N, C-alpha and C. Protein backbone atom coordinates (compact mmCIF):
# COMPACT_ATOMS: atom_id res chain seq x y z
N MET A 1 24.78 8.28 9.80
CA MET A 1 23.66 7.65 10.02
C MET A 1 24.17 6.23 9.55
N THR A 2 23.78 5.11 10.35
CA THR A 2 24.18 3.88 9.91
C THR A 2 23.19 3.22 8.81
N ALA A 3 23.49 2.23 8.18
CA ALA A 3 22.78 1.34 7.38
C ALA A 3 21.22 0.95 8.13
N THR A 4 21.76 0.50 9.30
CA THR A 4 20.57 -0.08 10.11
C THR A 4 19.56 0.94 10.47
N THR A 5 20.05 2.02 10.75
CA THR A 5 19.31 3.40 11.26
C THR A 5 18.47 3.63 10.12
N VAL A 6 18.98 3.67 9.06
CA VAL A 6 18.21 4.00 7.47
C VAL A 6 17.05 2.94 7.33
N LEU A 7 17.53 1.67 7.46
CA LEU A 7 16.23 0.66 7.38
C LEU A 7 15.38 0.77 8.28
N HIS A 8 15.70 0.99 9.61
CA HIS A 8 14.60 1.06 10.76
C HIS A 8 13.72 2.30 10.52
N GLU A 9 14.44 3.49 9.83
CA GLU A 9 13.62 4.76 9.59
C GLU A 9 12.53 4.27 8.26
N THR A 10 13.16 3.63 7.54
CA THR A 10 12.24 3.21 6.32
C THR A 10 11.01 2.28 6.71
N TYR A 11 11.36 1.35 7.56
CA TYR A 11 10.31 0.62 7.98
C TYR A 11 9.03 1.23 8.87
N ARG A 12 9.81 2.05 9.71
CA ARG A 12 8.95 2.91 10.46
C ARG A 12 8.03 3.80 9.64
N VAL A 13 8.44 4.19 8.58
CA VAL A 13 7.52 5.18 7.67
C VAL A 13 6.46 4.27 7.06
N ALA A 14 6.79 3.25 6.60
CA ALA A 14 5.93 1.98 6.15
C ALA A 14 4.86 1.70 6.98
N LEU A 15 5.20 1.51 8.38
CA LEU A 15 4.35 1.37 9.53
C LEU A 15 3.08 2.64 9.74
N HIS A 16 3.84 3.70 9.71
CA HIS A 16 3.05 4.87 9.77
C HIS A 16 1.98 5.11 8.61
N ALA A 17 2.52 4.73 7.48
CA ALA A 17 1.77 4.99 6.17
C ALA A 17 0.42 4.01 6.27
N LEU A 18 0.67 2.84 7.16
CA LEU A 18 -0.22 1.61 7.03
C LEU A 18 -1.14 2.05 8.18
N SER A 19 -0.69 2.52 9.18
CA SER A 19 -1.68 3.16 10.41
C SER A 19 -2.54 4.15 10.13
N ARG A 20 -1.94 5.03 9.08
CA ARG A 20 -2.83 6.19 8.78
C ARG A 20 -3.14 6.06 7.38
N PRO A 21 -4.07 5.37 7.06
CA PRO A 21 -4.28 5.21 5.57
C PRO A 21 -4.75 6.32 4.71
N GLY A 22 -4.27 6.53 3.46
CA GLY A 22 -4.44 7.55 2.54
C GLY A 22 -3.58 8.77 2.77
N ILE A 23 -2.67 8.94 3.90
CA ILE A 23 -1.57 10.02 4.22
C ILE A 23 -0.33 9.58 3.81
N ALA A 24 0.08 10.33 2.61
CA ALA A 24 1.46 10.01 2.02
C ALA A 24 2.54 10.33 3.22
N ARG A 25 3.48 9.74 3.32
CA ARG A 25 4.39 10.03 3.85
C ARG A 25 6.03 9.91 3.31
N ASP A 26 6.76 10.65 3.52
CA ASP A 26 8.08 10.83 2.94
C ASP A 26 8.87 9.90 3.36
N VAL A 27 9.94 9.09 2.59
CA VAL A 27 10.78 8.29 2.88
C VAL A 27 12.13 8.93 2.82
N PRO A 28 12.74 9.06 3.99
CA PRO A 28 14.26 9.82 4.20
C PRO A 28 15.12 8.85 3.50
N ASN A 29 15.99 9.24 3.13
CA ASN A 29 17.22 8.55 2.45
C ASN A 29 16.97 7.94 1.16
N ALA A 30 15.83 8.38 0.55
CA ALA A 30 15.37 7.80 -0.85
C ALA A 30 15.15 8.84 -1.90
N ALA A 31 15.67 8.91 -2.90
CA ALA A 31 15.51 9.82 -4.21
C ALA A 31 14.33 9.54 -5.06
N THR A 32 14.05 8.08 -5.04
CA THR A 32 13.07 7.66 -6.16
C THR A 32 12.15 6.65 -5.36
N PRO A 33 10.99 6.27 -6.13
CA PRO A 33 10.17 5.17 -5.60
C PRO A 33 10.88 3.89 -5.62
N ALA A 34 11.77 3.59 -6.61
CA ALA A 34 12.81 2.30 -6.92
C ALA A 34 13.54 2.34 -5.42
N GLU A 35 14.35 3.52 -5.12
CA GLU A 35 15.23 3.34 -3.92
C GLU A 35 14.43 3.11 -2.73
N ALA A 36 13.15 3.69 -2.50
CA ALA A 36 12.28 3.57 -1.24
C ALA A 36 11.84 2.23 -1.29
N THR A 37 11.53 1.52 -2.45
CA THR A 37 11.21 0.01 -2.55
C THR A 37 12.22 -0.95 -2.15
N ASN A 38 13.47 -0.63 -2.44
CA ASN A 38 14.70 -1.32 -2.37
C ASN A 38 14.95 -1.41 -0.60
N LEU A 39 14.75 -0.02 -0.12
CA LEU A 39 15.09 0.19 1.34
C LEU A 39 14.16 -0.71 2.09
N LEU A 40 12.84 -0.75 1.73
CA LEU A 40 11.85 -1.41 2.32
C LEU A 40 11.94 -2.82 2.24
N LEU A 41 12.47 -3.31 1.26
CA LEU A 41 12.63 -4.83 1.02
C LEU A 41 13.77 -5.25 1.99
N ALA A 42 14.77 -4.39 2.08
CA ALA A 42 16.02 -4.61 2.77
C ALA A 42 15.55 -4.60 4.35
N ALA A 43 14.67 -3.78 4.71
CA ALA A 43 14.17 -3.84 6.26
C ALA A 43 13.28 -4.74 6.65
N ALA A 44 12.38 -5.21 5.61
CA ALA A 44 11.33 -6.06 6.00
C ALA A 44 11.35 -7.50 5.55
N TRP A 45 12.00 -7.66 4.55
CA TRP A 45 11.84 -9.26 3.94
C TRP A 45 13.12 -9.88 3.73
N ASP A 46 12.97 -11.25 3.82
CA ASP A 46 14.28 -12.01 3.19
C ASP A 46 14.33 -11.96 2.09
N VAL A 47 15.58 -12.22 1.21
CA VAL A 47 15.69 -12.08 -0.18
C VAL A 47 14.80 -13.23 -0.91
N ASP A 48 14.58 -14.26 -0.22
CA ASP A 48 13.80 -15.21 -1.08
C ASP A 48 12.35 -15.06 -0.78
N GLN A 49 12.07 -14.15 -0.06
CA GLN A 49 10.53 -14.10 0.31
C GLN A 49 10.11 -12.65 0.45
N THR A 50 9.80 -12.33 -1.11
CA THR A 50 9.40 -10.79 -1.14
C THR A 50 7.93 -10.64 -1.54
N PRO A 51 7.08 -9.62 -1.23
CA PRO A 51 5.98 -9.55 -1.55
C PRO A 51 5.66 -9.33 -2.91
N PRO A 52 4.20 -9.33 -3.45
CA PRO A 52 3.97 -8.85 -4.87
C PRO A 52 4.57 -7.46 -4.98
N ILE A 53 5.21 -7.18 -6.05
CA ILE A 53 5.54 -5.64 -6.50
C ILE A 53 5.12 -5.47 -7.83
N PHE A 54 4.50 -4.25 -7.96
CA PHE A 54 3.97 -3.95 -9.19
C PHE A 54 4.79 -2.72 -9.52
N ASP A 55 4.92 -2.40 -10.85
CA ASP A 55 5.56 -1.30 -11.19
C ASP A 55 4.65 -0.78 -12.16
N GLY A 56 3.99 0.23 -11.39
CA GLY A 56 2.70 0.79 -12.11
C GLY A 56 1.50 0.51 -11.82
N ASP A 57 0.24 0.91 -12.32
CA ASP A 57 -1.21 0.60 -11.97
C ASP A 57 -0.92 -1.03 -12.39
N PRO A 58 -1.64 -1.79 -11.32
CA PRO A 58 -1.85 -3.23 -11.90
C PRO A 58 -3.09 -3.34 -12.91
N LYS A 59 -2.91 -4.31 -13.61
CA LYS A 59 -4.04 -4.52 -14.56
C LYS A 59 -5.47 -4.70 -13.94
N PRO A 60 -6.57 -4.51 -14.61
CA PRO A 60 -7.84 -4.76 -13.99
C PRO A 60 -8.05 -6.17 -13.34
N ASP A 61 -8.50 -6.25 -12.28
CA ASP A 61 -8.78 -7.60 -11.46
C ASP A 61 -7.48 -8.35 -11.10
N VAL A 62 -6.31 -7.78 -11.23
CA VAL A 62 -5.12 -8.30 -10.76
C VAL A 62 -5.06 -8.46 -9.12
N LEU A 63 -5.53 -7.42 -8.52
CA LEU A 63 -5.40 -7.22 -7.22
C LEU A 63 -6.31 -8.28 -6.38
N ALA A 64 -7.55 -8.52 -7.33
CA ALA A 64 -8.59 -9.35 -6.50
C ALA A 64 -8.06 -10.81 -6.71
N GLN A 65 -7.01 -11.14 -7.28
CA GLN A 65 -6.51 -12.60 -7.54
C GLN A 65 -5.33 -12.80 -6.38
N LEU A 66 -4.93 -11.67 -5.67
CA LEU A 66 -3.88 -11.89 -4.79
C LEU A 66 -4.61 -12.63 -3.76
N ASP A 67 -3.36 -13.56 -2.81
CA ASP A 67 -3.70 -14.24 -1.71
C ASP A 67 -4.34 -13.45 -0.73
N ARG A 68 -5.55 -13.75 -0.26
CA ARG A 68 -6.36 -12.87 0.73
C ARG A 68 -6.09 -13.43 2.25
N GLY A 69 -5.66 -14.43 2.26
CA GLY A 69 -5.57 -15.27 3.53
C GLY A 69 -6.68 -16.20 3.57
N THR A 70 -6.66 -16.94 4.74
CA THR A 70 -7.89 -17.80 5.11
C THR A 70 -8.66 -17.36 6.31
N ASP A 71 -9.87 -18.24 6.60
CA ASP A 71 -10.46 -18.06 7.86
C ASP A 71 -9.83 -18.38 8.80
N GLU A 72 -8.82 -19.28 8.83
CA GLU A 72 -7.93 -19.50 10.12
C GLU A 72 -6.72 -18.76 10.08
N PHE A 73 -6.28 -18.17 9.00
CA PHE A 73 -4.88 -17.31 8.89
C PHE A 73 -5.23 -16.01 8.03
N PRO A 74 -5.95 -15.31 8.22
CA PRO A 74 -6.15 -14.12 7.56
C PRO A 74 -5.05 -13.20 7.47
N GLU A 75 -4.39 -13.34 8.38
CA GLU A 75 -2.85 -12.51 8.26
C GLU A 75 -2.15 -12.91 7.11
N ALA A 76 -2.42 -14.02 6.42
CA ALA A 76 -1.50 -14.49 5.13
C ALA A 76 -1.90 -13.93 4.10
N GLY A 77 -3.07 -13.09 4.10
CA GLY A 77 -3.20 -12.11 3.05
C GLY A 77 -2.02 -11.50 2.73
N HIS A 78 -1.91 -11.13 1.42
CA HIS A 78 -0.71 -10.46 0.73
C HIS A 78 -0.69 -8.83 1.11
N LEU A 79 0.62 -8.47 1.44
CA LEU A 79 0.93 -7.09 1.33
C LEU A 79 1.37 -6.83 -0.25
N ALA A 80 0.81 -5.90 -0.99
CA ALA A 80 1.52 -5.85 -2.27
C ALA A 80 2.11 -4.33 -2.26
N LEU A 81 3.16 -4.09 -2.97
CA LEU A 81 3.69 -2.96 -2.92
C LEU A 81 3.74 -2.73 -4.42
N ILE A 82 3.33 -1.30 -4.72
CA ILE A 82 2.90 -0.73 -6.02
C ILE A 82 3.56 0.52 -6.28
N MET A 83 4.59 0.37 -7.06
CA MET A 83 5.36 1.61 -7.52
C MET A 83 4.54 2.41 -8.43
N ILE A 84 4.25 3.63 -8.21
CA ILE A 84 3.39 4.41 -9.18
C ILE A 84 3.91 5.74 -9.62
N ASP A 85 3.51 6.46 -10.52
CA ASP A 85 4.10 7.54 -10.94
C ASP A 85 3.38 8.74 -10.78
N GLY A 86 1.99 8.69 -10.22
CA GLY A 86 1.01 9.61 -10.18
C GLY A 86 0.33 10.25 -11.15
N GLU A 87 0.27 9.37 -12.47
CA GLU A 87 -0.19 10.00 -13.45
C GLU A 87 -1.79 9.51 -13.48
N SER A 88 -2.15 8.68 -13.06
CA SER A 88 -3.63 8.50 -12.73
C SER A 88 -3.91 8.48 -11.13
N LEU A 89 -4.84 9.61 -11.10
CA LEU A 89 -5.52 10.01 -9.92
C LEU A 89 -6.94 9.69 -9.78
N THR A 90 -7.43 9.15 -8.63
CA THR A 90 -8.78 8.61 -8.45
C THR A 90 -9.33 9.53 -7.27
N ARG A 91 -10.42 9.96 -7.14
CA ARG A 91 -10.79 10.73 -5.85
C ARG A 91 -11.64 9.50 -5.29
N ALA A 92 -11.23 9.49 -3.87
CA ALA A 92 -11.88 8.38 -3.04
C ALA A 92 -12.14 9.10 -1.55
N ARG A 93 -13.03 8.28 -0.86
CA ARG A 93 -13.61 8.74 0.29
C ARG A 93 -13.05 7.46 1.24
N LEU A 94 -12.08 7.78 2.42
CA LEU A 94 -11.54 6.46 3.11
C LEU A 94 -12.03 6.73 4.27
N SER A 95 -12.33 5.65 5.02
CA SER A 95 -12.84 5.46 6.39
C SER A 95 -12.36 4.17 6.93
N GLY A 96 -12.50 4.01 8.27
CA GLY A 96 -12.15 2.77 8.89
C GLY A 96 -10.85 3.08 9.86
N PRO A 97 -10.45 2.04 10.55
CA PRO A 97 -9.37 2.39 11.46
C PRO A 97 -8.18 3.20 10.94
N GLY A 98 -7.80 4.05 11.66
CA GLY A 98 -6.58 4.95 11.63
C GLY A 98 -7.00 6.15 10.59
N VAL A 99 -8.31 6.24 10.39
CA VAL A 99 -8.92 7.29 9.61
C VAL A 99 -10.06 8.11 10.77
N ASP A 100 -9.47 9.41 10.88
CA ASP A 100 -10.47 10.22 11.74
C ASP A 100 -11.97 10.64 11.16
N GLY A 101 -12.88 9.66 11.23
CA GLY A 101 -14.18 10.05 10.58
C GLY A 101 -14.06 9.37 9.30
N CYS A 102 -13.68 10.32 8.13
CA CYS A 102 -13.55 10.00 6.76
C CYS A 102 -12.68 11.21 6.28
N ILE A 103 -11.90 10.64 5.16
CA ILE A 103 -11.12 11.78 4.60
C ILE A 103 -11.32 11.59 3.06
N GLU A 104 -11.21 12.75 2.62
CA GLU A 104 -11.26 12.71 0.91
C GLU A 104 -9.76 12.85 0.64
N VAL A 105 -9.48 12.01 -0.32
CA VAL A 105 -8.01 11.91 -0.91
C VAL A 105 -7.98 11.80 -2.50
N GLU A 106 -7.07 11.90 -3.02
CA GLU A 106 -6.68 11.60 -4.35
C GLU A 106 -5.78 10.63 -4.61
N LEU A 107 -6.09 9.19 -4.87
CA LEU A 107 -5.24 7.92 -4.81
C LEU A 107 -4.36 7.80 -6.04
N PRO A 108 -3.62 7.51 -6.17
CA PRO A 108 -2.66 7.51 -7.53
C PRO A 108 -2.72 6.02 -8.44
N LEU A 109 -4.17 5.62 -8.18
CA LEU A 109 -4.27 4.23 -8.70
C LEU A 109 -5.44 4.50 -9.65
N SER A 110 -5.84 3.69 -10.55
CA SER A 110 -6.99 3.80 -11.41
C SER A 110 -8.31 3.25 -10.82
N VAL A 111 -9.38 3.75 -11.28
CA VAL A 111 -10.63 3.24 -10.80
C VAL A 111 -10.72 1.64 -10.75
N ALA A 112 -10.32 1.16 -11.98
CA ALA A 112 -10.29 -0.54 -11.97
C ALA A 112 -9.44 -0.95 -10.79
N SER A 113 -8.34 -0.60 -10.54
CA SER A 113 -7.36 -1.01 -9.57
C SER A 113 -8.08 -1.07 -8.08
N LEU A 114 -8.78 0.21 -8.00
CA LEU A 114 -9.24 0.38 -6.80
C LEU A 114 -10.71 -0.54 -6.57
N VAL A 115 -11.22 -0.71 -7.52
CA VAL A 115 -12.30 -1.63 -7.75
C VAL A 115 -11.89 -3.04 -7.38
N SER A 116 -10.70 -3.49 -8.03
CA SER A 116 -10.18 -4.98 -7.90
C SER A 116 -9.77 -5.12 -6.23
N ARG A 117 -9.19 -3.87 -5.71
CA ARG A 117 -8.77 -3.87 -4.23
C ARG A 117 -9.88 -4.28 -3.66
N ASN A 118 -11.23 -3.44 -3.79
CA ASN A 118 -12.23 -3.58 -2.85
C ASN A 118 -12.78 -5.08 -2.96
N LYS A 119 -12.75 -5.58 -3.99
CA LYS A 119 -13.25 -6.88 -4.33
C LYS A 119 -12.68 -7.73 -3.31
N ALA A 120 -11.21 -7.62 -3.35
CA ALA A 120 -10.11 -8.47 -2.45
C ALA A 120 -10.48 -8.42 -1.31
N CYS A 121 -10.81 -7.09 -0.76
CA CYS A 121 -11.33 -6.84 0.83
C CYS A 121 -12.66 -6.99 1.15
N ALA A 122 -13.56 -7.35 0.21
CA ALA A 122 -15.08 -7.49 0.75
C ALA A 122 -15.44 -8.66 1.72
N GLU A 123 -14.52 -9.37 2.20
CA GLU A 123 -14.90 -10.52 3.23
C GLU A 123 -13.87 -10.40 4.34
N TRP A 124 -13.99 -9.26 5.03
CA TRP A 124 -13.01 -8.97 6.10
C TRP A 124 -13.41 -10.11 7.24
N PRO A 125 -12.22 -10.78 7.75
CA PRO A 125 -10.86 -10.15 7.94
C PRO A 125 -9.84 -10.51 6.66
N LEU A 126 -10.52 -11.26 5.68
CA LEU A 126 -9.62 -11.53 4.54
C LEU A 126 -9.54 -10.34 3.70
N GLY A 127 -8.19 -10.54 3.22
CA GLY A 127 -7.99 -9.39 2.26
C GLY A 127 -6.54 -9.00 2.01
N ILE A 128 -6.39 -7.73 1.16
CA ILE A 128 -5.00 -7.59 1.04
C ILE A 128 -4.78 -6.20 1.54
N ASP A 129 -3.33 -6.00 1.83
CA ASP A 129 -2.83 -4.68 2.22
C ASP A 129 -2.22 -4.00 1.14
N LEU A 130 -2.36 -2.84 0.75
CA LEU A 130 -1.43 -2.09 -0.37
C LEU A 130 -0.62 -0.96 0.24
N LEU A 131 0.77 -1.00 -0.15
CA LEU A 131 1.68 0.02 0.04
C LEU A 131 2.01 0.63 -1.23
N LEU A 132 1.36 1.94 -1.50
CA LEU A 132 1.58 2.70 -2.65
C LEU A 132 3.06 3.47 -2.52
N ILE A 133 3.73 3.04 -3.27
CA ILE A 133 4.97 3.82 -3.50
C ILE A 133 5.29 4.74 -4.43
N GLY A 134 5.39 6.22 -4.31
CA GLY A 134 5.37 7.16 -5.16
C GLY A 134 4.16 8.08 -5.03
N PRO A 135 4.03 9.00 -5.88
CA PRO A 135 4.88 9.62 -6.74
C PRO A 135 6.20 9.88 -5.76
N GLY A 136 7.55 10.09 -6.44
CA GLY A 136 8.67 10.31 -5.34
C GLY A 136 8.62 9.40 -4.35
N PRO A 137 9.73 9.39 -3.52
CA PRO A 137 10.01 8.50 -2.45
C PRO A 137 9.22 8.61 -1.20
N ARG A 138 7.88 8.16 -1.38
CA ARG A 138 6.87 8.33 -0.13
C ARG A 138 5.93 7.08 -0.40
N PHE A 139 5.59 6.67 1.01
CA PHE A 139 4.47 5.70 1.02
C PHE A 139 3.40 6.19 1.33
N THR A 140 2.23 5.40 0.80
CA THR A 140 0.78 5.75 1.22
C THR A 140 0.11 4.24 1.36
N GLY A 141 -0.40 4.08 2.58
CA GLY A 141 -1.02 2.75 2.92
C GLY A 141 -2.51 2.81 2.57
N LEU A 142 -2.89 1.49 2.05
CA LEU A 142 -4.36 1.06 2.15
C LEU A 142 -4.37 -0.16 2.83
N PRO A 143 -4.54 -0.36 4.03
CA PRO A 143 -4.89 -1.60 4.48
C PRO A 143 -6.06 -2.19 4.30
N ARG A 144 -6.29 -3.47 4.47
CA ARG A 144 -7.67 -4.05 4.14
C ARG A 144 -8.73 -3.64 4.90
N THR A 145 -8.54 -3.21 5.90
CA THR A 145 -9.63 -2.44 7.10
C THR A 145 -10.10 -1.24 6.60
N THR A 146 -9.51 -0.71 5.57
CA THR A 146 -9.98 0.64 5.14
C THR A 146 -10.87 0.50 3.94
N ARG A 147 -12.05 1.11 4.34
CA ARG A 147 -13.09 1.38 3.18
C ARG A 147 -12.88 2.40 2.23
N VAL A 148 -12.77 1.97 1.02
CA VAL A 148 -12.37 2.97 -0.17
C VAL A 148 -13.70 3.08 -0.93
N GLU A 149 -14.34 4.35 -0.72
CA GLU A 149 -15.45 4.62 -1.62
C GLU A 149 -15.04 5.59 -2.79
N LEU A 150 -15.26 5.20 -4.00
CA LEU A 150 -14.76 5.85 -4.97
C LEU A 150 -15.94 7.36 -5.30
N THR A 151 -15.31 8.31 -5.44
CA THR A 151 -16.00 9.43 -5.49
C THR A 151 -16.02 10.40 -6.77
N ASN A 152 -15.32 9.85 -7.72
CA ASN A 152 -15.10 10.22 -9.09
C ASN A 152 -16.53 10.55 -9.82
């Protein structure tokens, strides 16, 4: 398998994760969250223009402070990559585009981070998209269009 094929597969997994929120997708050719992150960065971003990357659960309100885009350019809202270890699990109900009705999931983020994410996505179409990386080499998407209702 060529390096280009590996990068294409990694990018495709990220797109699938973002199109089907809350469903973890394994990243082929990666053994750790860090390897999966590096493959995605190589596949989708220039070296000098990387997205916000968090190693672990972000501190409270950090996600709400990320760029959410503008009324003219809502697509300028950040896609943040969060490498997580799965120690913090929060039960949530997801609904919105890409979700068949609603699904109950355990997300590997703290309640505070999910509340911060919901604040950042409160004024649709402005918002942030999250790609959770881990536990292990897998991607789970939470795009701005997904409604996250905490059920803990």
